[in-house]
Amino acid sequence: MAKGQYRTANIYYTRASEDGNPSALNSLGNLTYLGLGTTQDFEKAALLYYKAAGKGHAGAQVNLGHLYKQGLGVDYDPVRAFAWYQMAHIHGNPTAEYYLSQIAVEWTLSPLQIQSAMETWPTLPKLMAEGL
């Protein structure tokens, strides 16, 4: 992928993702989100990120938060975006804390909304149970 061979990367990531490899699913989601080596498709990217996120891939959790924040491929939902950023933070993503503060400040989520998100989706299984 680093050499711009996106179609080839797409083939390899597709093969690896068939075995449920979360890094491959996330990378395939990135290619699909950007339309590199494949057709740009936000809904498909969301599904790929969702599958990787469910396996604990913190980067995919951040990516899914971005989609909810922008309403791309999923419904616009800042509270759900916050929940995915929170999950990424729990799973050790170093940039998740920045996005948590950004979403709280930019969208002025109330303390009640933040608390509600944390109570509704305290664990990955609870967040995954909601689906996309």
C-alpha atoms as a PDB file:
ATOM      1  CA  MET A   1       0.000   0.000   0.000  1.00  0.00           C
ATOM      2  CA  ALA A   2       2.870   2.381   0.789  1.00  0.00           C
ATOM      3  CA  LYS A   3       3.984   2.181  -2.836  1.00  0.00           C
ATOM      4  CA  GLY A   4       0.566   3.200  -4.134  1.00  0.00           C
ATOM      5  CA  GLN A   5      -0.352  -0.304  -5.242  1.00  0.00           C
ATOM      6  CA  TYR A   6      -3.840  -0.054  -3.857  1.00  0.00           C
ATOM      7  CA  ARG A   7      -5.487  -2.712  -6.004  1.00  0.00           C
ATOM      8  CA  THR A   8      -2.865  -5.246  -4.987  1.00  0.00           C
ATOM      9  CA  ALA A   9      -3.185  -4.187  -1.344  1.00  0.00           C
ATOM     10  CA  ASN A  10      -6.947  -4.557  -1.641  1.00  0.00           C
ATOM     11  CA  ILE A  11      -6.533  -8.151  -2.836  1.00  0.00           C
ATOM     12  CA  TYR A  12      -4.177  -9.052   0.008  1.00  0.00           C
ATOM     13  CA  TYR A  13      -6.266  -7.342   2.677  1.00  0.00           C
ATOM     14  CA  THR A  14      -9.400  -9.022   1.359  1.00  0.00           C
ATOM     15  CA  ARG A  15      -7.756 -12.435   1.658  1.00  0.00           C
ATOM     16  CA  ALA A  16      -6.484 -11.701   5.166  1.00  0.00           C
ATOM     17  CA  SER A  17      -9.833 -10.283   6.247  1.00  0.00           C
ATOM     18  CA  GLU A  18     -11.596 -13.510   5.259  1.00  0.00           C
ATOM     19  CA  ASP A  19      -9.848 -15.116   8.233  1.00  0.00           C
ATOM     20  CA  GLY A  20     -11.173 -12.309  10.461  1.00  0.00           C
ATOM     21  CA  ASN A  21      -7.839 -10.514  10.841  1.00  0.00           C
ATOM     22  CA  PRO A  22      -8.824  -7.213  12.516  1.00  0.00           C
ATOM     23  CA  SER A  23      -5.853  -5.259  11.124  1.00  0.00           C
ATOM     24  CA  ALA A  24      -6.698  -6.427   7.605  1.00  0.00           C
ATOM     25  CA  LEU A  25     -10.354  -5.521   8.120  1.00  0.00           C
ATOM     26  CA  ASN A  26      -9.367  -2.036   9.292  1.00  0.00           C
ATOM     27  CA  SER A  27      -6.942  -1.536   6.389  1.00  0.00           C
ATOM     28  CA  LEU A  28      -9.543  -2.760   3.920  1.00  0.00           C
ATOM     29  CA  GLY A  29     -11.974  -0.322   5.529  1.00  0.00           C
ATOM     30  CA  ASN A  30      -9.464   2.487   4.975  1.00  0.00           C
ATOM     31  CA  LEU A  31      -9.082   1.606   1.293  1.00  0.00           C
ATOM     32  CA  THR A  32     -12.852   1.413   0.898  1.00  0.00           C
ATOM     33  CA  TYR A  33     -13.413   4.675   2.777  1.00  0.00           C
ATOM     34  CA  LEU A  34     -10.913   6.464   0.547  1.00  0.00           C
ATOM     35  CA  GLY A  35     -11.824   4.643  -2.655  1.00  0.00           C
ATOM     36  CA  LEU A  36      -8.265   3.436  -3.237  1.00  0.00           C
ATOM     37  CA  GLY A  37      -8.035   0.259  -5.302  1.00  0.00           C
ATOM     38  CA  THR A  38     -11.795  -0.119  -5.010  1.00  0.00           C
ATOM     39  CA  THR A  39     -14.967   1.904  -5.249  1.00  0.00           C
ATOM     40  CA  GLN A  40     -15.474   4.410  -2.448  1.00  0.00           C
ATOM     41  CA  ASP A  41     -18.263   3.092  -0.238  1.00  0.00           C
ATOM     42  CA  PHE A  42     -18.831   4.559   3.225  1.00  0.00           C
ATOM     43  CA  GLU A  43     -21.399   1.939   4.262  1.00  0.00           C
ATOM     44  CA  LYS A  44     -19.054  -0.923   3.365  1.00  0.00           C
ATOM     45  CA  ALA A  45     -16.194   0.854   5.144  1.00  0.00           C
ATOM     46  CA  ALA A  46     -18.397   1.190   8.245  1.00  0.00           C
ATOM     47  CA  LEU A  47     -19.153  -2.526   8.167  1.00  0.00           C
ATOM     48  CA  LEU A  48     -15.457  -3.415   7.826  1.00  0.00           C
ATOM     49  CA  TYR A  49     -14.518  -1.076  10.675  1.00  0.00           C
ATOM     50  CA  TYR A  50     -17.368  -2.500  12.766  1.00  0.00           C
ATOM     51  CA  LYS A  51     -16.093  -6.062  12.292  1.00  0.00           C
ATOM     52  CA  ALA A  52     -12.544  -5.039  13.257  1.00  0.00           C
ATOM     53  CA  ALA A  53     -13.786  -2.911  16.159  1.00  0.00           C
ATOM     54  CA  GLY A  54     -15.697  -5.893  17.514  1.00  0.00           C
ATOM     55  CA  LYS A  55     -12.426  -7.787  17.704  1.00  0.00           C
ATOM     56  CA  GLY A  56     -10.942  -5.032  19.875  1.00  0.00           C
ATOM     57  CA  HIS A  57      -9.047  -3.154  17.135  1.00  0.00           C
ATOM     58  CA  ALA A  58      -8.726   0.317  18.670  1.00  0.00           C
ATOM     59  CA  GLY A  59      -7.860   2.003  15.358  1.00  0.00           C
ATOM     60  CA  ALA A  60     -11.053   0.676  13.790  1.00  0.00           C
ATOM     61  CA  GLN A  61     -12.970   1.939  16.821  1.00  0.00           C
ATOM     62  CA  VAL A  62     -11.582   5.434  16.214  1.00  0.00           C
ATOM     63  CA  ASN A  63     -12.421   5.152  12.514  1.00  0.00           C
ATOM     64  CA  LEU A  64     -15.983   4.134  13.351  1.00  0.00           C
ATOM     65  CA  GLY A  65     -16.212   7.112  15.702  1.00  0.00           C
ATOM     66  CA  HIS A  66     -15.179   9.353  12.796  1.00  0.00           C
ATOM     67  CA  LEU A  67     -17.946   7.931  10.612  1.00  0.00           C
ATOM     68  CA  TYR A  68     -20.576   8.577  13.298  1.00  0.00           C
ATOM     69  CA  LYS A  69     -19.144  12.042  13.863  1.00  0.00           C
ATOM     70  CA  GLN A  70     -19.558  12.850  10.164  1.00  0.00           C
ATOM     71  CA  GLY A  71     -22.630  10.761   9.366  1.00  0.00           C
ATOM     72  CA  LEU A  72     -20.814   8.830   6.616  1.00  0.00           C
ATOM     73  CA  GLY A  73     -22.123   5.321   5.987  1.00  0.00           C
ATOM     74  CA  VAL A  74     -23.993   5.462   9.295  1.00  0.00           C
ATOM     75  CA  ASP A  75     -26.441   7.900  10.846  1.00  0.00           C
ATOM     76  CA  TYR A  76     -24.935  11.088  12.242  1.00  0.00           C
ATOM     77  CA  ASP A  77     -24.727  10.441  15.988  1.00  0.00           C
ATOM     78  CA  PRO A  78     -22.260  12.395  18.164  1.00  0.00           C
ATOM     79  CA  VAL A  79     -23.139  10.380  21.266  1.00  0.00           C
ATOM     80  CA  ARG A  80     -22.394   7.105  19.468  1.00  0.00           C
ATOM     81  CA  ALA A  81     -19.182   8.670  18.102  1.00  0.00           C
ATOM     82  CA  PHE A  82     -18.203   9.517  21.676  1.00  0.00           C
ATOM     83  CA  ALA A  83     -18.907   5.915  22.718  1.00  0.00           C
ATOM     84  CA  TRP A  84     -16.637   4.537  19.985  1.00  0.00           C
ATOM     85  CA  TYR A  85     -13.860   6.991  20.876  1.00  0.00           C
ATOM     86  CA  GLN A  86     -14.255   5.976  24.528  1.00  0.00           C
ATOM     87  CA  MET A  87     -13.964   2.299  23.566  1.00  0.00           C
ATOM     88  CA  ALA A  88     -10.816   3.052  21.547  1.00  0.00           C
ATOM     89  CA  HIS A  89      -9.404   4.864  24.580  1.00  0.00           C
ATOM     90  CA  ILE A  90     -10.143   1.823  26.772  1.00  0.00           C
ATOM     91  CA  HIS A  91      -8.367  -0.368  24.203  1.00  0.00           C
ATOM     92  CA  GLY A  92      -5.272   1.830  24.273  1.00  0.00           C
ATOM     93  CA  ASN A  93      -5.504   4.042  21.206  1.00  0.00           C
ATOM     94  CA  PRO A  94      -3.274   7.052  21.952  1.00  0.00           C
ATOM     95  CA  THR A  95      -5.292   9.509  19.828  1.00  0.00           C
ATOM     96  CA  ALA A  96      -8.683   8.545  21.245  1.00  0.00           C
ATOM     97  CA  GLU A  97      -8.353  10.920  24.190  1.00  0.00           C
ATOM     98  CA  TYR A  98      -7.881  13.836  21.801  1.00  0.00           C
ATOM     99  CA  TYR A  99     -11.052  12.904  19.910  1.00  0.00           C
ATOM    100  CA  LEU A 100     -12.975  12.483  23.147  1.00  0.00           C
ATOM    101  CA  SER A 101     -12.125  16.011  24.218  1.00  0.00           C
ATOM    102  CA  GLN A 102     -12.697  17.367  20.712  1.00  0.00           C
ATOM    103  CA  ILE A 103     -16.172  15.884  20.413  1.00  0.00           C
ATOM    104  CA  ALA A 104     -17.125  17.059  23.898  1.00  0.00           C
ATOM    105  CA  VAL A 105     -15.960  20.622  23.204  1.00  0.00           C
ATOM    106  CA  GLU A 106     -16.942  21.063  19.550  1.00  0.00           C
ATOM    107  CA  TRP A 107     -20.381  19.575  19.876  1.00  0.00           C
ATOM    108  CA  THR A 108     -20.794  20.617  23.457  1.00  0.00           C
ATOM    109  CA  LEU A 109     -22.089  17.256  24.555  1.00  0.00           C
ATOM    110  CA  SER A 110     -23.639  17.764  27.917  1.00  0.00           C
ATOM    111  CA  PRO A 111     -22.269  15.939  30.923  1.00  0.00           C
ATOM    112  CA  LEU A 112     -25.562  14.022  30.941  1.00  0.00           C
ATOM    113  CA  GLN A 113     -25.048  12.866  27.327  1.00  0.00           C
ATOM    114  CA  ILE A 114     -21.495  11.789  28.091  1.00  0.00           C
ATOM    115  CA  GLN A 115     -22.581   9.966  31.244  1.00  0.00           C
ATOM    116  CA  SER A 116     -25.432   8.320  29.359  1.00  0.00           C
ATOM    117  CA  ALA A 117     -23.055   7.055  26.655  1.00  0.00           C
ATOM    118  CA  MET A 118     -20.677   5.666  29.260  1.00  0.00           C
ATOM    119  CA  GLU A 119     -23.508   3.937  31.139  1.00  0.00           C
ATOM    120  CA  THR A 120     -25.249   2.619  28.019  1.00  0.00           C
ATOM    121  CA  TRP A 121     -22.088   1.257  26.402  1.00  0.00           C
ATOM    122  CA  PRO A 122     -19.560   0.501  29.185  1.00  0.00           C
ATOM    123  CA  THR A 123     -18.137  -2.540  27.402  1.00  0.00           C
ATOM    124  CA  LEU A 124     -17.407  -3.590  23.858  1.00  0.00           C
ATOM    125  CA  PRO A 125     -20.074  -6.336  23.830  1.00  0.00           C
ATOM    126  CA  LYS A 126     -22.736  -3.791  24.828  1.00  0.00           C
ATOM    127  CA  LEU A 127     -21.643  -1.371  22.114  1.00  0.00           C
ATOM    128  CA  MET A 128     -21.476  -4.153  19.515  1.00  0.00           C
ATOM    129  CA  ALA A 129     -24.958  -5.345  20.494  1.00  0.00           C
ATOM    130  CA  GLU A 130     -26.372  -2.081  19.174  1.00  0.00           C
ATOM    131  CA  GLY A 131     -25.172  -2.859  15.645  1.00  0.00           C
ATOM    132  CA  LEU A 132     -24.393  -0.154  13.177  1.00  0.00           C
END
